[in-house]
PDB file of all heavy atoms in Angstrom:
ATOM      1  N   ARG A   1      -2.217  -8.617  -1.662  1.00  0.00           N
ATOM      2  CA  ARG A   1      -3.640  -8.411  -1.867  1.00  0.00           C
ATOM      3  C   ARG A   1      -4.333  -9.736  -2.104  1.00  0.00           C
ATOM      4  O   ARG A   1      -3.758 -10.666  -2.667  1.00  0.00           O
ATOM      5  CB  ARG A   1      -3.900  -7.447  -3.027  1.00  0.00           C
ATOM      6  CG  ARG A   1      -3.393  -7.922  -4.378  1.00  0.00           C
ATOM      7  CD  ARG A   1      -3.506  -6.820  -5.425  1.00  0.00           C
ATOM      8  NE  ARG A   1      -4.893  -6.529  -5.773  1.00  0.00           N
ATOM      9  CZ  ARG A   1      -5.279  -5.473  -6.491  1.00  0.00           C
ATOM     10  NH1 ARG A   1      -4.372  -4.594  -6.921  1.00  0.00           N
ATOM     11  NH2 ARG A   1      -6.559  -5.299  -6.765  1.00  0.00           N
ATOM     12  N   ASP A   2      -5.568  -9.791  -1.675  1.00  0.00           N
ATOM     13  CA  ASP A   2      -6.418 -10.949  -1.889  1.00  0.00           C
ATOM     14  C   ASP A   2      -7.639 -10.449  -2.638  1.00  0.00           C
ATOM     15  O   ASP A   2      -8.567  -9.902  -2.047  1.00  0.00           O
ATOM     16  CB  ASP A   2      -6.811 -11.591  -0.559  1.00  0.00           C
ATOM     17  CG  ASP A   2      -7.575 -12.891  -0.739  1.00  0.00           C
ATOM     18  OD1 ASP A   2      -8.179 -13.101  -1.798  1.00  0.00           O
ATOM     19  OD2 ASP A   2      -7.566 -13.711   0.198  1.00  0.00           O
ATOM     20  N   ASN A   3      -7.615 -10.626  -3.945  1.00  0.00           N
ATOM     21  CA  ASN A   3      -8.711 -10.109  -4.758  1.00  0.00           C
ATOM     22  C   ASN A   3     -10.029 -10.819  -4.475  1.00  0.00           C
ATOM     23  O   ASN A   3     -11.098 -10.242  -4.659  1.00  0.00           O
ATOM     24  CB  ASN A   3      -8.360 -10.218  -6.243  1.00  0.00           C
ATOM     25  CG  ASN A   3      -7.295  -9.227  -6.659  1.00  0.00           C
ATOM     26  OD1 ASN A   3      -7.024  -8.257  -5.950  1.00  0.00           O
ATOM     27  ND2 ASN A   3      -6.685  -9.457  -7.817  1.00  0.00           N
ATOM     28  N   GLY A   4      -9.954 -12.066  -4.039  1.00  0.00           N
ATOM     29  CA  GLY A   4     -11.161 -12.781  -3.679  1.00  0.00           C
ATOM     30  C   GLY A   4     -11.865 -12.177  -2.483  1.00  0.00           C
ATOM     31  O   GLY A   4     -13.088 -12.268  -2.359  1.00  0.00           O
ATOM     32  N   LYS A   5     -11.104 -11.537  -1.598  1.00  0.00           N
ATOM     33  CA  LYS A   5     -11.657 -10.884  -0.416  1.00  0.00           C
ATOM     34  C   LYS A   5     -11.709  -9.369  -0.559  1.00  0.00           C
ATOM     35  O   LYS A   5     -12.083  -8.683   0.390  1.00  0.00           O
ATOM     36  CB  LYS A   5     -10.846 -11.250   0.819  1.00  0.00           C
ATOM     37  CG  LYS A   5     -10.883 -12.725   1.171  1.00  0.00           C
ATOM     38  CD  LYS A   5     -10.085 -13.005   2.433  1.00  0.00           C
ATOM     39  CE  LYS A   5     -10.168 -14.466   2.822  1.00  0.00           C
ATOM     40  NZ  LYS A   5      -9.384 -14.759   4.051  1.00  0.00           N
ATOM     41  N   ASN A   6     -11.320  -8.869  -1.701  1.00  0.00           N
ATOM     42  CA  ASN A   6     -11.295  -7.423  -1.937  1.00  0.00           C
ATOM     43  C   ASN A   6     -10.505  -6.696  -0.854  1.00  0.00           C
ATOM     44  O   ASN A   6     -10.936  -5.656  -0.336  1.00  0.00           O
ATOM     45  CB  ASN A   6     -12.717  -6.860  -2.007  1.00  0.00           C
ATOM     46  CG  ASN A   6     -13.388  -7.117  -3.335  1.00  0.00           C
ATOM     47  OD1 ASN A   6     -12.823  -7.741  -4.234  1.00  0.00           O
ATOM     48  ND2 ASN A   6     -14.617  -6.642  -3.478  1.00  0.00           N
ATOM     49  N   THR A   7      -9.353  -7.223  -0.527  1.00  0.00           N
ATOM     50  CA  THR A   7      -8.579  -6.680   0.578  1.00  0.00           C
ATOM     51  C   THR A   7      -7.113  -6.523   0.209  1.00  0.00           C
ATOM     52  O   THR A   7      -6.518  -7.414  -0.406  1.00  0.00           O
ATOM     53  CB  THR A   7      -8.699  -7.567   1.823  1.00  0.00           C
ATOM     54  OG1 THR A   7     -10.080  -7.700   2.180  1.00  0.00           O
ATOM     55  CG2 THR A   7      -7.959  -6.948   2.995  1.00  0.00           C
ATOM     56  N   LEU A   8      -6.560  -5.404   0.612  1.00  0.00           N
ATOM     57  CA  LEU A   8      -5.144  -5.105   0.476  1.00  0.00           C
ATOM     58  C   LEU A   8      -4.513  -5.148   1.862  1.00  0.00           C
ATOM     59  O   LEU A   8      -5.114  -4.683   2.832  1.00  0.00           O
ATOM     60  CB  LEU A   8      -4.968  -3.720  -0.141  1.00  0.00           C
ATOM     61  CG  LEU A   8      -3.555  -3.178  -0.296  1.00  0.00           C
ATOM     62  CD1 LEU A   8      -2.820  -3.936  -1.395  1.00  0.00           C
ATOM     63  CD2 LEU A   8      -3.603  -1.685  -0.603  1.00  0.00           C
ATOM     64  N   TYR A   9      -3.290  -5.669   1.950  1.00  0.00           N
ATOM     65  CA  TYR A   9      -2.622  -5.808   3.234  1.00  0.00           C
ATOM     66  C   TYR A   9      -1.261  -5.128   3.227  1.00  0.00           C
ATOM     67  O   TYR A   9      -0.614  -4.996   2.183  1.00  0.00           O
ATOM     68  CB  TYR A   9      -2.411  -7.281   3.583  1.00  0.00           C
ATOM     69  CG  TYR A   9      -3.672  -8.094   3.652  1.00  0.00           C
ATOM     70  CD1 TYR A   9      -4.066  -8.889   2.579  1.00  0.00           C
ATOM     71  CD2 TYR A   9      -4.472  -8.079   4.787  1.00  0.00           C
ATOM     72  CE1 TYR A   9      -5.221  -9.644   2.637  1.00  0.00           C
ATOM     73  CE2 TYR A   9      -5.632  -8.826   4.856  1.00  0.00           C
ATOM     74  CZ  TYR A   9      -6.001  -9.612   3.777  1.00  0.00           C
ATOM     75  OH  TYR A   9      -7.154 -10.355   3.841  1.00  0.00           O
ATOM     76  N   LEU A  10      -0.848  -4.741   4.414  1.00  0.00           N
ATOM     77  CA  LEU A  10       0.508  -4.262   4.613  1.00  0.00           C
ATOM     78  C   LEU A  10       1.044  -4.875   5.897  1.00  0.00           C
ATOM     79  O   LEU A  10       0.607  -4.513   6.990  1.00  0.00           O
ATOM     80  CB  LEU A  10       0.558  -2.732   4.697  1.00  0.00           C
ATOM     81  CG  LEU A  10       1.950  -2.137   4.932  1.00  0.00           C
ATOM     82  CD1 LEU A  10       2.884  -2.485   3.780  1.00  0.00           C
ATOM     83  CD2 LEU A  10       1.870  -0.630   5.121  1.00  0.00           C
ATOM     84  N   GLN A  11       1.961  -5.799   5.752  1.00  0.00           N
ATOM     85  CA  GLN A  11       2.627  -6.399   6.892  1.00  0.00           C
ATOM     86  C   GLN A  11       3.862  -5.572   7.209  1.00  0.00           C
ATOM     87  O   GLN A  11       4.737  -5.410   6.362  1.00  0.00           O
ATOM     88  CB  GLN A  11       3.025  -7.846   6.597  1.00  0.00           C
ATOM     89  CG  GLN A  11       3.766  -8.532   7.726  1.00  0.00           C
ATOM     90  CD  GLN A  11       2.912  -8.731   8.954  1.00  0.00           C
ATOM     91  OE1 GLN A  11       1.772  -9.171   8.850  1.00  0.00           O
ATOM     92  NE2 GLN A  11       3.446  -8.398  10.119  1.00  0.00           N
ATOM     93  N   MET A  12       3.932  -5.060   8.421  1.00  0.00           N
ATOM     94  CA  MET A  12       5.022  -4.194   8.836  1.00  0.00           C
ATOM     95  C   MET A  12       5.781  -4.863   9.976  1.00  0.00           C
ATOM     96  O   MET A  12       5.217  -5.089  11.046  1.00  0.00           O
ATOM     97  CB  MET A  12       4.504  -2.827   9.273  1.00  0.00           C
ATOM     98  CG  MET A  12       3.671  -2.125   8.216  1.00  0.00           C
ATOM     99  SD  MET A  12       3.166  -0.452   8.719  1.00  0.00           S
ATOM    100  CE  MET A  12       2.078  -0.862  10.084  1.00  0.00           C
ATOM    101  N   ASN A  13       7.031  -5.160   9.730  1.00  0.00           N
ATOM    102  CA  ASN A  13       7.892  -5.772  10.731  1.00  0.00           C
ATOM    103  C   ASN A  13       9.023  -4.828  11.096  1.00  0.00           C
ATOM    104  O   ASN A  13       9.340  -3.895  10.359  1.00  0.00           O
ATOM    105  CB  ASN A  13       8.468  -7.093  10.209  1.00  0.00           C
ATOM    106  CG  ASN A  13       7.411  -8.120   9.906  1.00  0.00           C
ATOM    107  OD1 ASN A  13       6.371  -8.182  10.556  1.00  0.00           O
ATOM    108  ND2 ASN A  13       7.678  -8.962   8.905  1.00  0.00           N
ATOM    109  N   SER A  14       9.636  -5.099  12.225  1.00  0.00           N
ATOM    110  CA  SER A  14      10.775  -4.295  12.679  1.00  0.00           C
ATOM    111  C   SER A  14      10.469  -2.808  12.627  1.00  0.00           C
ATOM    112  O   SER A  14      11.252  -2.007  12.109  1.00  0.00           O
ATOM    113  CB  SER A  14      12.014  -4.620  11.842  1.00  0.00           C
ATOM    114  OG  SER A  14      12.350  -5.989  11.930  1.00  0.00           O
ATOM    115  N   LEU A  15       9.351  -2.440  13.173  1.00  0.00           N
ATOM    116  CA  LEU A  15       8.909  -1.054  13.104  1.00  0.00           C
ATOM    117  C   LEU A  15       9.859  -0.124  13.850  1.00  0.00           C
ATOM    118  O   LEU A  15      10.430  -0.488  14.880  1.00  0.00           O
ATOM    119  CB  LEU A  15       7.502  -0.919  13.660  1.00  0.00           C
ATOM    120  CG  LEU A  15       6.402  -1.397  12.711  1.00  0.00           C
ATOM    121  CD1 LEU A  15       5.109  -1.639  13.467  1.00  0.00           C
ATOM    122  CD2 LEU A  15       6.188  -0.366  11.602  1.00  0.00           C
ATOM    123  N   LYS A  16      10.000   1.063  13.301  1.00  0.00           N
ATOM    124  CA  LYS A  16      10.859   2.092  13.856  1.00  0.00           C
ATOM    125  C   LYS A  16      10.035   3.332  14.182  1.00  0.00           C
ATOM    126  O   LYS A  16       8.983   3.546  13.590  1.00  0.00           O
ATOM    127  CB  LYS A  16      11.945   2.469  12.850  1.00  0.00           C
ATOM    128  CG  LYS A  16      12.799   1.315  12.366  1.00  0.00           C
ATOM    129  CD  LYS A  16      13.762   1.781  11.298  1.00  0.00           C
ATOM    130  CE  LYS A  16      14.612   0.638  10.795  1.00  0.00           C
ATOM    131  NZ  LYS A  16      15.557   1.085   9.734  1.00  0.00           N
ATOM    132  N   PRO A  17      10.508   4.163  15.100  1.00  0.00           N
ATOM    133  CA  PRO A  17       9.787   5.410  15.369  1.00  0.00           C
ATOM    134  C   PRO A  17       9.567   6.252  14.117  1.00  0.00           C
ATOM    135  O   PRO A  17       8.551   6.953  14.026  1.00  0.00           O
ATOM    136  CB  PRO A  17      10.701   6.122  16.370  1.00  0.00           C
ATOM    137  CG  PRO A  17      11.390   5.014  17.089  1.00  0.00           C
ATOM    138  CD  PRO A  17      11.633   3.961  16.036  1.00  0.00           C
ATOM    139  N   GLU A  18      10.470   6.178  13.169  1.00  0.00           N
ATOM    140  CA  GLU A  18      10.340   6.922  11.928  1.00  0.00           C
ATOM    141  C   GLU A  18       9.163   6.456  11.082  1.00  0.00           C
ATOM    142  O   GLU A  18       8.767   7.145  10.135  1.00  0.00           O
ATOM    143  CB  GLU A  18      11.618   6.808  11.087  1.00  0.00           C
ATOM    144  CG  GLU A  18      12.886   7.190  11.835  1.00  0.00           C
ATOM    145  CD  GLU A  18      13.559   5.989  12.464  1.00  0.00           C
ATOM    146  OE1 GLU A  18      14.402   5.357  11.796  1.00  0.00           O
ATOM    147  OE2 GLU A  18      13.245   5.690  13.639  1.00  0.00           O
ATOM    148  N   ASP A  19       8.604   5.295  11.398  1.00  0.00           N
ATOM    149  CA  ASP A  19       7.442   4.783  10.680  1.00  0.00           C
ATOM    150  C   ASP A  19       6.138   5.384  11.184  1.00  0.00           C
ATOM    151  O   ASP A  19       5.081   5.135  10.597  1.00  0.00           O
ATOM    152  CB  ASP A  19       7.364   3.260  10.797  1.00  0.00           C
ATOM    153  CG  ASP A  19       8.550   2.563  10.155  1.00  0.00           C
ATOM    154  OD1 ASP A  19       8.967   2.975   9.056  1.00  0.00           O
ATOM    155  OD2 ASP A  19       9.057   1.596  10.758  1.00  0.00           O
ATOM    156  N   THR A  20       6.193   6.135  12.252  1.00  0.00           N
ATOM    157  CA  THR A  20       4.993   6.747  12.811  1.00  0.00           C
ATOM    158  C   THR A  20       4.352   7.681  11.796  1.00  0.00           C
ATOM    159  O   THR A  20       4.993   8.603  11.290  1.00  0.00           O
ATOM    160  CB  THR A  20       5.327   7.517  14.091  1.00  0.00           C
ATOM    161  OG1 THR A  20       5.776   6.600  15.095  1.00  0.00           O
ATOM    162  CG2 THR A  20       4.099   8.251  14.615  1.00  0.00           C
ATOM    163  N   ALA A  21       3.088   7.434  11.503  1.00  0.00           N
ATOM    164  CA  ALA A  21       2.374   8.218  10.501  1.00  0.00           C
ATOM    165  C   ALA A  21       0.948   7.709  10.396  1.00  0.00           C
ATOM    166  O   ALA A  21       0.600   6.667  10.954  1.00  0.00           O
ATOM    167  CB  ALA A  21       3.060   8.110   9.133  1.00  0.00           C
ATOM    168  N   ILE A  22       0.137   8.450   9.674  1.00  0.00           N
ATOM    169  CA  ILE A  22      -1.138   7.933   9.234  1.00  0.00           C
ATOM    170  C   ILE A  22      -0.901   7.186   7.932  1.00  0.00           C
ATOM    171  O   ILE A  22      -0.294   7.726   7.004  1.00  0.00           O
ATOM    172  CB  ILE A  22      -2.170   9.051   9.021  1.00  0.00           C
ATOM    173  CG1 ILE A  22      -2.397   9.821  10.319  1.00  0.00           C
ATOM    174  CG2 ILE A  22      -3.485   8.476   8.525  1.00  0.00           C
ATOM    175  CD1 ILE A  22      -3.297  11.024  10.165  1.00  0.00           C
ATOM    176  N   TYR A  23      -1.383   5.976   7.867  1.00  0.00           N
ATOM    177  CA  TYR A  23      -1.198   5.149   6.691  1.00  0.00           C
ATOM    178  C   TYR A  23      -2.481   5.087   5.885  1.00  0.00           C
ATOM    179  O   TYR A  23      -3.554   4.814   6.425  1.00  0.00           O
ATOM    180  CB  TYR A  23      -0.762   3.737   7.095  1.00  0.00           C
ATOM    181  CG  TYR A  23       0.689   3.668   7.487  1.00  0.00           C
ATOM    182  CD1 TYR A  23       1.132   4.233   8.678  1.00  0.00           C
ATOM    183  CD2 TYR A  23       1.628   3.056   6.659  1.00  0.00           C
ATOM    184  CE1 TYR A  23       2.470   4.197   9.033  1.00  0.00           C
ATOM    185  CE2 TYR A  23       2.960   3.011   7.011  1.00  0.00           C
ATOM    186  CZ  TYR A  23       3.378   3.583   8.192  1.00  0.00           C
ATOM    187  OH  TYR A  23       4.710   3.537   8.544  1.00  0.00           O
ATOM    188  N   TYR A  24      -2.349   5.337   4.602  1.00  0.00           N
ATOM    189  CA  TYR A  24      -3.482   5.362   3.693  1.00  0.00           C
ATOM    190  C   TYR A  24      -3.318   4.305   2.610  1.00  0.00           C
ATOM    191  O   TYR A  24      -2.232   4.140   2.063  1.00  0.00           O
ATOM    192  CB  TYR A  24      -3.595   6.716   2.991  1.00  0.00           C
ATOM    193  CG  TYR A  24      -3.779   7.898   3.898  1.00  0.00           C
ATOM    194  CD1 TYR A  24      -2.686   8.582   4.407  1.00  0.00           C
ATOM    195  CD2 TYR A  24      -5.053   8.348   4.226  1.00  0.00           C
ATOM    196  CE1 TYR A  24      -2.847   9.682   5.228  1.00  0.00           C
ATOM    197  CE2 TYR A  24      -5.227   9.449   5.042  1.00  0.00           C
ATOM    198  CZ  TYR A  24      -4.124  10.110   5.539  1.00  0.00           C
ATOM    199  OH  TYR A  24      -4.301  11.205   6.348  1.00  0.00           O
ATOM    200  N   CYS A  25      -4.386   3.620   2.297  1.00  0.00           N
ATOM    201  CA  CYS A  25      -4.377   2.799   1.107  1.00  0.00           C
ATOM    202  C   CYS A  25      -4.990   3.590  -0.036  1.00  0.00           C
ATOM    203  O   CYS A  25      -5.809   4.489   0.168  1.00  0.00           O
ATOM    204  CB  CYS A  25      -5.110   1.471   1.314  1.00  0.00           C
ATOM    205  SG  CYS A  25      -6.869   1.592   1.704  1.00  0.00           S
ATOM    206  N   ALA A  26      -4.580   3.266  -1.240  1.00  0.00           N
ATOM    207  CA  ALA A  26      -5.021   3.994  -2.413  1.00  0.00           C
ATOM    208  C   ALA A  26      -5.165   3.040  -3.590  1.00  0.00           C
ATOM    209  O   ALA A  26      -4.521   1.988  -3.629  1.00  0.00           O
ATOM    210  CB  ALA A  26      -4.031   5.111  -2.756  1.00  0.00           C
ATOM    211  N   ALA A  27      -5.986   3.435  -4.546  1.00  0.00           N
ATOM    212  CA  ALA A  27      -6.235   2.589  -5.705  1.00  0.00           C
ATOM    213  C   ALA A  27      -6.388   3.421  -6.962  1.00  0.00           C
ATOM    214  O   ALA A  27      -6.913   4.537  -6.932  1.00  0.00           O
ATOM    215  CB  ALA A  27      -7.488   1.745  -5.484  1.00  0.00           C
ATOM    216  N   ASN A  28      -5.926   2.861  -8.064  1.00  0.00           N
ATOM    217  CA  ASN A  28      -6.082   3.456  -9.381  1.00  0.00           C
ATOM    218  C   ASN A  28      -6.528   2.389 -10.361  1.00  0.00           C
ATOM    219  O   ASN A  28      -6.067   1.246 -10.296  1.00  0.00           O
ATOM    220  CB  ASN A  28      -4.774   4.069  -9.869  1.00  0.00           C
ATOM    221  CG  ASN A  28      -4.790   5.577  -9.895  1.00  0.00           C
ATOM    222  OD1 ASN A  28      -5.793   6.207  -9.583  1.00  0.00           O
ATOM    223  ND2 ASN A  28      -3.673   6.166 -10.275  1.00  0.00           N
ATOM    224  N   TYR A  29      -7.391   2.777 -11.265  1.00  0.00           N
ATOM    225  CA  TYR A  29      -7.907   1.831 -12.235  1.00  0.00           C
ATOM    226  C   TYR A  29      -6.820   1.391 -13.201  1.00  0.00           C
ATOM    227  O   TYR A  29      -6.091   2.217 -13.756  1.00  0.00           O
ATOM    228  CB  TYR A  29      -9.070   2.451 -13.008  1.00  0.00           C
ATOM    229  CG  TYR A  29      -9.712   1.513 -13.993  1.00  0.00           C
ATOM    230  CD1 TYR A  29     -10.616   0.553 -13.570  1.00  0.00           C
ATOM    231  CD2 TYR A  29      -9.414   1.589 -15.350  1.00  0.00           C
ATOM    232  CE1 TYR A  29     -11.207  -0.312 -14.468  1.00  0.00           C
ATOM    233  CE2 TYR A  29     -10.004   0.728 -16.257  1.00  0.00           C
ATOM    234  CZ  TYR A  29     -10.897  -0.227 -15.805  1.00  0.00           C
ATOM    235  OH  TYR A  29     -11.484  -1.083 -16.699  1.00  0.00           O
ATOM    236  N   GLY A  30      -6.712   0.091 -13.392  1.00  0.00           N
ATOM    237  CA  GLY A  30      -5.827  -0.455 -14.394  1.00  0.00           C
ATOM    238  C   GLY A  30      -4.375  -0.530 -13.968  1.00  0.00           C
ATOM    239  O   GLY A  30      -4.005  -0.246 -12.830  1.00  0.00           O
ATOM    240  N   TYR A  31      -3.548  -0.900 -14.916  1.00  0.00           N
ATOM    241  CA  TYR A  31      -2.111  -0.970 -14.693  1.00  0.00           C
ATOM    242  C   TYR A  31      -1.502   0.422 -14.727  1.00  0.00           C
ATOM    243  O   TYR A  31      -1.966   1.307 -15.433  1.00  0.00           O
ATOM    244  CB  TYR A  31      -1.440  -1.832 -15.755  1.00  0.00           C
ATOM    245  CG  TYR A  31      -1.672  -3.305 -15.594  1.00  0.00           C
ATOM    246  CD1 TYR A  31      -2.611  -3.969 -16.382  1.00  0.00           C
ATOM    247  CD2 TYR A  31      -0.954  -4.041 -14.664  1.00  0.00           C
ATOM    248  CE1 TYR A  31      -2.829  -5.326 -16.239  1.00  0.00           C
ATOM    249  CE2 TYR A  31      -1.164  -5.398 -14.515  1.00  0.00           C
ATOM    250  CZ  TYR A  31      -2.104  -6.034 -15.303  1.00  0.00           C
ATOM    251  OH  TYR A  31      -2.314  -7.393 -15.159  1.00  0.00           O
ATOM    252  N   ARG A  32      -0.430   0.591 -13.968  1.00  0.00           N
ATOM    253  CA  ARG A  32       0.286   1.848 -13.928  1.00  0.00           C
ATOM    254  C   ARG A  32       1.782   1.581 -13.935  1.00  0.00           C
ATOM    255  O   ARG A  32       2.235   0.533 -13.458  1.00  0.00           O
ATOM    256  CB  ARG A  32      -0.082   2.654 -12.682  1.00  0.00           C
ATOM    257  CG  ARG A  32      -1.538   3.131 -12.655  1.00  0.00           C
ATOM    258  CD  ARG A  32      -1.757   4.232 -13.683  1.00  0.00           C
ATOM    259  NE  ARG A  32      -3.091   4.800 -13.583  1.00  0.00           N
ATOM    260  CZ  ARG A  32      -4.144   4.351 -14.239  1.00  0.00           C
ATOM    261  NH1 ARG A  32      -4.029   3.308 -15.058  1.00  0.00           N
ATOM    262  NH2 ARG A  32      -5.321   4.938 -14.094  1.00  0.00           N
ATOM    263  N   LEU A  33       2.520   2.532 -14.461  1.00  0.00           N
ATOM    264  CA  LEU A  33       3.970   2.447 -14.411  1.00  0.00           C
ATOM    265  C   LEU A  33       4.448   2.604 -12.977  1.00  0.00           C
ATOM    266  O   LEU A  33       3.775   3.206 -12.151  1.00  0.00           O
ATOM    267  CB  LEU A  33       4.602   3.520 -15.288  1.00  0.00           C
ATOM    268  CG  LEU A  33       4.283   3.457 -16.775  1.00  0.00           C
ATOM    269  CD1 LEU A  33       4.872   4.661 -17.486  1.00  0.00           C
ATOM    270  CD2 LEU A  33       4.806   2.165 -17.382  1.00  0.00           C
ATOM    271  N   SER A  34       5.610   2.076 -12.691  1.00  0.00           N
ATOM    272  CA  SER A  34       6.139   2.137 -11.340  1.00  0.00           C
ATOM    273  C   SER A  34       6.261   3.563 -10.836  1.00  0.00           C
ATOM    274  O   SER A  34       6.013   3.845  -9.662  1.00  0.00           O
ATOM    275  CB  SER A  34       7.485   1.425 -11.258  1.00  0.00           C
ATOM    276  OG  SER A  34       8.441   2.035 -12.108  1.00  0.00           O
ATOM    277  N   ALA A  35       6.640   4.484 -11.713  1.00  0.00           N
ATOM    278  CA  ALA A  35       6.769   5.876 -11.313  1.00  0.00           C
ATOM    279  C   ALA A  35       5.425   6.458 -10.887  1.00  0.00           C
ATOM    280  O   ALA A  35       5.349   7.258  -9.953  1.00  0.00           O
ATOM    281  CB  ALA A  35       7.372   6.703 -12.443  1.00  0.00           C
ATOM    282  N   GLU A  36       4.370   6.058 -11.568  1.00  0.00           N
ATOM    283  CA  GLU A  36       3.038   6.524 -11.218  1.00  0.00           C
ATOM    284  C   GLU A  36       2.581   5.950  -9.886  1.00  0.00           C
ATOM    285  O   GLU A  36       1.905   6.633  -9.108  1.00  0.00           O
ATOM    286  CB  GLU A  36       2.044   6.154 -12.317  1.00  0.00           C
ATOM    287  CG  GLU A  36       2.285   6.851 -13.632  1.00  0.00           C
ATOM    288  CD  GLU A  36       1.326   6.392 -14.704  1.00  0.00           C
ATOM    289  OE1 GLU A  36       1.304   5.173 -14.988  1.00  0.00           O
ATOM    290  OE2 GLU A  36       0.585   7.234 -15.251  1.00  0.00           O
ATOM    291  N   LEU A  37       2.933   4.731  -9.616  1.00  0.00           N
ATOM    292  CA  LEU A  37       2.537   4.087  -8.373  1.00  0.00           C
ATOM    293  C   LEU A  37       3.247   4.674  -7.168  1.00  0.00           C
ATOM    294  O   LEU A  37       2.799   4.483  -6.035  1.00  0.00           O
ATOM    295  CB  LEU A  37       2.797   2.587  -8.448  1.00  0.00           C
ATOM    296  CG  LEU A  37       1.966   1.824  -9.476  1.00  0.00           C
ATOM    297  CD1 LEU A  37       2.405   0.370  -9.545  1.00  0.00           C
ATOM    298  CD2 LEU A  37       0.485   1.916  -9.143  1.00  0.00           C
ATOM    299  N   ARG A  38       4.330   5.378  -7.380  1.00  0.00           N
ATOM    300  CA  ARG A  38       5.071   6.021  -6.305  1.00  0.00           C
ATOM    301  C   ARG A  38       4.618   7.451  -6.035  1.00  0.00           C
ATOM    302  O   ARG A  38       5.096   8.078  -5.092  1.00  0.00           O
ATOM    303  CB  ARG A  38       6.573   6.021  -6.628  1.00  0.00           C
ATOM    304  CG  ARG A  38       7.197   4.635  -6.653  1.00  0.00           C
ATOM    305  CD  ARG A  38       8.643   4.685  -7.123  1.00  0.00           C
ATOM    306  NE  ARG A  38       9.235   3.354  -7.139  1.00  0.00           N
ATOM    307  CZ  ARG A  38       9.878   2.806  -6.117  1.00  0.00           C
ATOM    308  NH1 ARG A  38      10.032   3.483  -4.982  1.00  0.00           N
ATOM    309  NH2 ARG A  38      10.378   1.591  -6.219  1.00  0.00           N
ATOM    310  N   ASP A  39       3.704   7.938  -6.832  1.00  0.00           N
ATOM    311  CA  ASP A  39       3.265   9.327  -6.756  1.00  0.00           C
ATOM    312  C   ASP A  39       1.823   9.389  -6.260  1.00  0.00           C
ATOM    313  O   ASP A  39       0.901   8.978  -6.967  1.00  0.00           O
ATOM    314  CB  ASP A  39       3.394   9.974  -8.129  1.00  0.00           C
ATOM    315  CG  ASP A  39       3.042  11.445  -8.134  1.00  0.00           C
ATOM    316  OD1 ASP A  39       2.685  11.983  -7.073  1.00  0.00           O
ATOM    317  OD2 ASP A  39       3.127  12.056  -9.216  1.00  0.00           O
TER     318      ASP A  39
END
């Protein structure tokens, strides 16, 4: 992420057919536990 540009990035290499999907970015206010960030 580049907070100066208000932008989040996802660099995807070695893509596989199993990666086919709609990709969504998401945000939550403040810090979160790792378990919360996976949900």
